[in-house]
């Protein structure tokens, strides 16, 4: 019942012709958001993995060591 009310309000606000365009653009935006989120997660994972590598292999020379 609630879904029917939401759909009715959407049709009244946007018109029946614009609903498919709105749904398509919303889907594209969600896809771009998901893609961006996955890229950030990959970068964070790589940073975490490289950080644990330097902790295990402390051969990296810092300014304090020099």
N, C-alpha and C. Protein backbone atom coordinates (compact mmCIF):
# COMPACT_ATOMS: atom_id res chain seq x y z
N UNK A 1 0.82 -1.19 0.00
CA UNK A 1 0.00 0.00 0.00
C UNK A 1 0.87 1.27 0.00
N UNK A 2 1.92 1.24 0.84
CA UNK A 2 2.80 2.41 0.91
C UNK A 2 3.51 2.65 -0.41
N UNK A 3 3.90 1.56 -1.07
CA UNK A 3 4.59 1.67 -2.36
C UNK A 3 3.68 2.30 -3.40
N UNK A 4 2.40 1.95 -3.38
CA UNK A 4 1.45 2.53 -4.33
C UNK A 4 1.31 4.03 -4.11
N UNK A 5 1.28 4.45 -2.86
CA UNK A 5 1.18 5.88 -2.54
C UNK A 5 2.42 6.61 -3.02
N UNK A 6 3.60 6.03 -2.79
CA UNK A 6 4.85 6.64 -3.24
C UNK A 6 4.88 6.76 -4.76
N UNK A 7 4.46 5.72 -5.46
CA UNK A 7 4.42 5.76 -6.92
C UNK A 7 3.43 6.81 -7.42
N UNK A 8 2.29 6.93 -6.78
CA UNK A 8 1.30 7.93 -7.17
C UNK A 8 1.85 9.34 -6.98
N UNK A 9 2.51 9.57 -5.88
CA UNK A 9 3.10 10.89 -5.63
C UNK A 9 4.19 11.19 -6.66
N UNK A 10 5.00 10.18 -7.00
CA UNK A 10 6.06 10.37 -7.99
C UNK A 10 5.46 10.72 -9.35
N UNK A 11 4.39 10.05 -9.73
CA UNK A 11 3.74 10.34 -11.01
C UNK A 11 3.16 11.75 -11.01
N UNK A 12 2.56 12.15 -9.91
CA UNK A 12 2.00 13.49 -9.83
C UNK A 12 3.09 14.56 -9.87
N UNK A 13 4.21 14.31 -9.21
CA UNK A 13 5.28 15.31 -9.17
C UNK A 13 6.03 15.42 -10.49
N UNK A 14 6.40 14.29 -11.06
CA UNK A 14 7.29 14.29 -12.22
C UNK A 14 6.57 14.06 -13.54
N UNK A 15 5.38 13.53 -13.51
CA UNK A 15 4.69 13.20 -14.74
C UNK A 15 5.09 11.81 -15.22
N UNK A 16 4.19 11.15 -15.90
CA UNK A 16 4.42 9.76 -16.33
C UNK A 16 5.55 9.69 -17.35
N UNK A 17 5.77 10.72 -18.13
CA UNK A 17 6.79 10.68 -19.17
C UNK A 17 8.20 10.74 -18.61
N UNK A 18 8.39 11.42 -17.49
CA UNK A 18 9.73 11.63 -16.95
C UNK A 18 10.17 10.56 -15.97
N UNK A 19 9.29 9.69 -15.54
CA UNK A 19 9.64 8.64 -14.57
C UNK A 19 10.74 7.72 -15.12
N UNK A 20 10.64 7.20 -16.36
CA UNK A 20 11.73 6.34 -16.85
C UNK A 20 13.08 7.06 -16.94
N UNK A 21 13.07 8.32 -17.36
CA UNK A 21 14.32 9.08 -17.42
C UNK A 21 14.90 9.27 -16.03
N UNK A 22 14.04 9.57 -15.06
CA UNK A 22 14.48 9.76 -13.69
C UNK A 22 15.06 8.46 -13.13
N UNK A 23 14.40 7.34 -13.41
CA UNK A 23 14.89 6.04 -12.94
C UNK A 23 16.23 5.71 -13.58
N UNK A 24 16.37 5.99 -14.86
CA UNK A 24 17.62 5.71 -15.57
C UNK A 24 18.77 6.54 -14.99
N UNK A 25 18.53 7.83 -14.80
CA UNK A 25 19.60 8.69 -14.26
C UNK A 25 19.94 8.32 -12.82
N UNK A 26 18.95 7.89 -12.05
CA UNK A 26 19.20 7.44 -10.69
C UNK A 26 20.06 6.18 -10.69
N UNK A 27 19.75 5.26 -11.59
CA UNK A 27 20.54 4.03 -11.72
C UNK A 27 21.97 4.31 -12.12
N UNK A 28 22.16 5.24 -13.05
CA UNK A 28 23.50 5.61 -13.48
C UNK A 28 24.28 6.25 -12.33
N UNK A 29 23.62 7.10 -11.58
CA UNK A 29 24.28 7.75 -10.45
C UNK A 29 24.68 6.72 -9.39
N UNK A 30 23.81 5.77 -9.15
CA UNK A 30 24.13 4.72 -8.17
C UNK A 30 25.30 3.88 -8.66
N UNK A 31 25.35 3.60 -9.95
CA UNK A 31 26.47 2.85 -10.52
C UNK A 31 27.78 3.60 -10.37
N UNK A 32 27.76 4.90 -10.64
CA UNK A 32 28.97 5.71 -10.48
C UNK A 32 29.41 5.77 -9.02
N UNK A 33 28.46 5.87 -8.12
CA UNK A 33 28.77 5.90 -6.69
C UNK A 33 29.42 4.59 -6.27
N UNK A 34 28.86 3.47 -6.73
CA UNK A 34 29.40 2.16 -6.39
C UNK A 34 30.82 2.01 -6.95
N UNK A 35 31.03 2.47 -8.17
CA UNK A 35 32.35 2.39 -8.80
C UNK A 35 33.36 3.21 -8.00
N UNK A 36 33.00 4.42 -7.61
CA UNK A 36 33.88 5.27 -6.82
C UNK A 36 34.18 4.67 -5.46
N UNK A 37 33.18 4.09 -4.83
CA UNK A 37 33.37 3.46 -3.53
C UNK A 37 34.34 2.29 -3.63
N UNK A 38 34.19 1.49 -4.69
CA UNK A 38 35.09 0.35 -4.87
C UNK A 38 36.53 0.81 -5.11
N UNK A 39 36.70 1.92 -5.85
CA UNK A 39 38.04 2.45 -6.08
C UNK A 39 38.68 2.91 -4.77
N UNK A 40 37.91 3.59 -3.94
CA UNK A 40 38.43 4.06 -2.65
C UNK A 40 38.77 2.88 -1.76
N UNK A 41 37.92 1.86 -1.73
CA UNK A 41 38.20 0.68 -0.92
C UNK A 41 39.46 -0.02 -1.40
N UNK A 42 39.66 -0.09 -2.71
CA UNK A 42 40.86 -0.71 -3.27
C UNK A 42 42.11 0.08 -2.86
N UNK A 43 42.03 1.40 -2.96
CA UNK A 43 43.17 2.24 -2.57
C UNK A 43 43.49 2.07 -1.09
N UNK A 44 42.46 2.06 -0.25
CA UNK A 44 42.68 1.88 1.18
C UNK A 44 43.29 0.52 1.47
N UNK A 45 42.82 -0.50 0.78
CA UNK A 45 43.35 -1.85 0.97
C UNK A 45 44.83 -1.89 0.56
N UNK A 46 45.16 -1.24 -0.56
CA UNK A 46 46.55 -1.21 -1.02
C UNK A 46 47.43 -0.45 -0.03
N UNK A 47 46.92 0.66 0.50
CA UNK A 47 47.69 1.43 1.47
C UNK A 47 47.92 0.62 2.74
N UNK A 48 46.89 -0.09 3.18
CA UNK A 48 47.01 -0.91 4.38
C UNK A 48 48.01 -2.04 4.16
N UNK A 49 47.93 -2.68 2.98
CA UNK A 49 48.86 -3.77 2.67
C UNK A 49 50.29 -3.27 2.56
N UNK A 50 50.49 -2.12 1.92
CA UNK A 50 51.85 -1.60 1.80
C UNK A 50 52.36 -1.12 3.15
N UNK A 51 51.49 -0.63 4.00
CA UNK A 51 51.88 -0.21 5.34
C UNK A 51 52.32 -1.39 6.18
N UNK A 52 51.64 -2.52 6.05
CA UNK A 52 52.04 -3.70 6.81
C UNK A 52 53.31 -4.30 6.24
N UNK A 53 53.57 -4.11 4.94
CA UNK A 53 54.82 -4.59 4.36
C UNK A 53 56.01 -3.82 4.91
N UNK A 54 55.89 -2.51 5.07
CA UNK A 54 57.01 -1.73 5.58
C UNK A 54 57.24 -2.02 7.06
N UNK A 55 56.19 -2.38 7.79
CA UNK A 55 56.37 -2.74 9.19
C UNK A 55 57.11 -4.07 9.31
N UNK A 56 56.84 -4.99 8.38
CA UNK A 56 57.49 -6.28 8.41
C UNK A 56 58.92 -6.19 7.90
N UNK A 57 59.19 -5.30 6.95
CA UNK A 57 60.51 -5.11 6.37
C UNK A 57 60.99 -3.69 6.65
N UNK A 58 61.54 -3.43 7.80
CA UNK A 58 61.92 -2.06 8.15
C UNK A 58 63.23 -1.63 7.48
N UNK A 59 63.36 -1.87 6.18
CA UNK A 59 64.57 -1.47 5.46
C UNK A 59 64.41 -0.09 4.86
N UNK A 60 63.25 0.51 4.98
CA UNK A 60 63.03 1.84 4.46
C UNK A 60 63.72 2.83 5.39
N UNK A 61 64.56 3.67 4.81
CA UNK A 61 65.32 4.62 5.60
C UNK A 61 64.55 5.92 5.76
N UNK A 62 64.42 6.41 6.96
CA UNK A 62 63.71 7.66 7.20
C UNK A 62 64.73 8.75 7.47
N UNK A 63 64.27 9.99 7.61
CA UNK A 63 65.16 11.11 7.88
C UNK A 63 65.85 10.96 9.23
N UNK A 64 65.16 10.36 10.20
CA UNK A 64 65.74 10.18 11.53
C UNK A 64 66.89 9.18 11.49
N UNK A 65 66.81 8.20 10.58
CA UNK A 65 67.87 7.19 10.46
C UNK A 65 69.11 7.77 9.77
N UNK A 66 68.92 8.76 8.93
CA UNK A 66 70.05 9.27 8.13
C UNK A 66 71.00 10.11 8.91
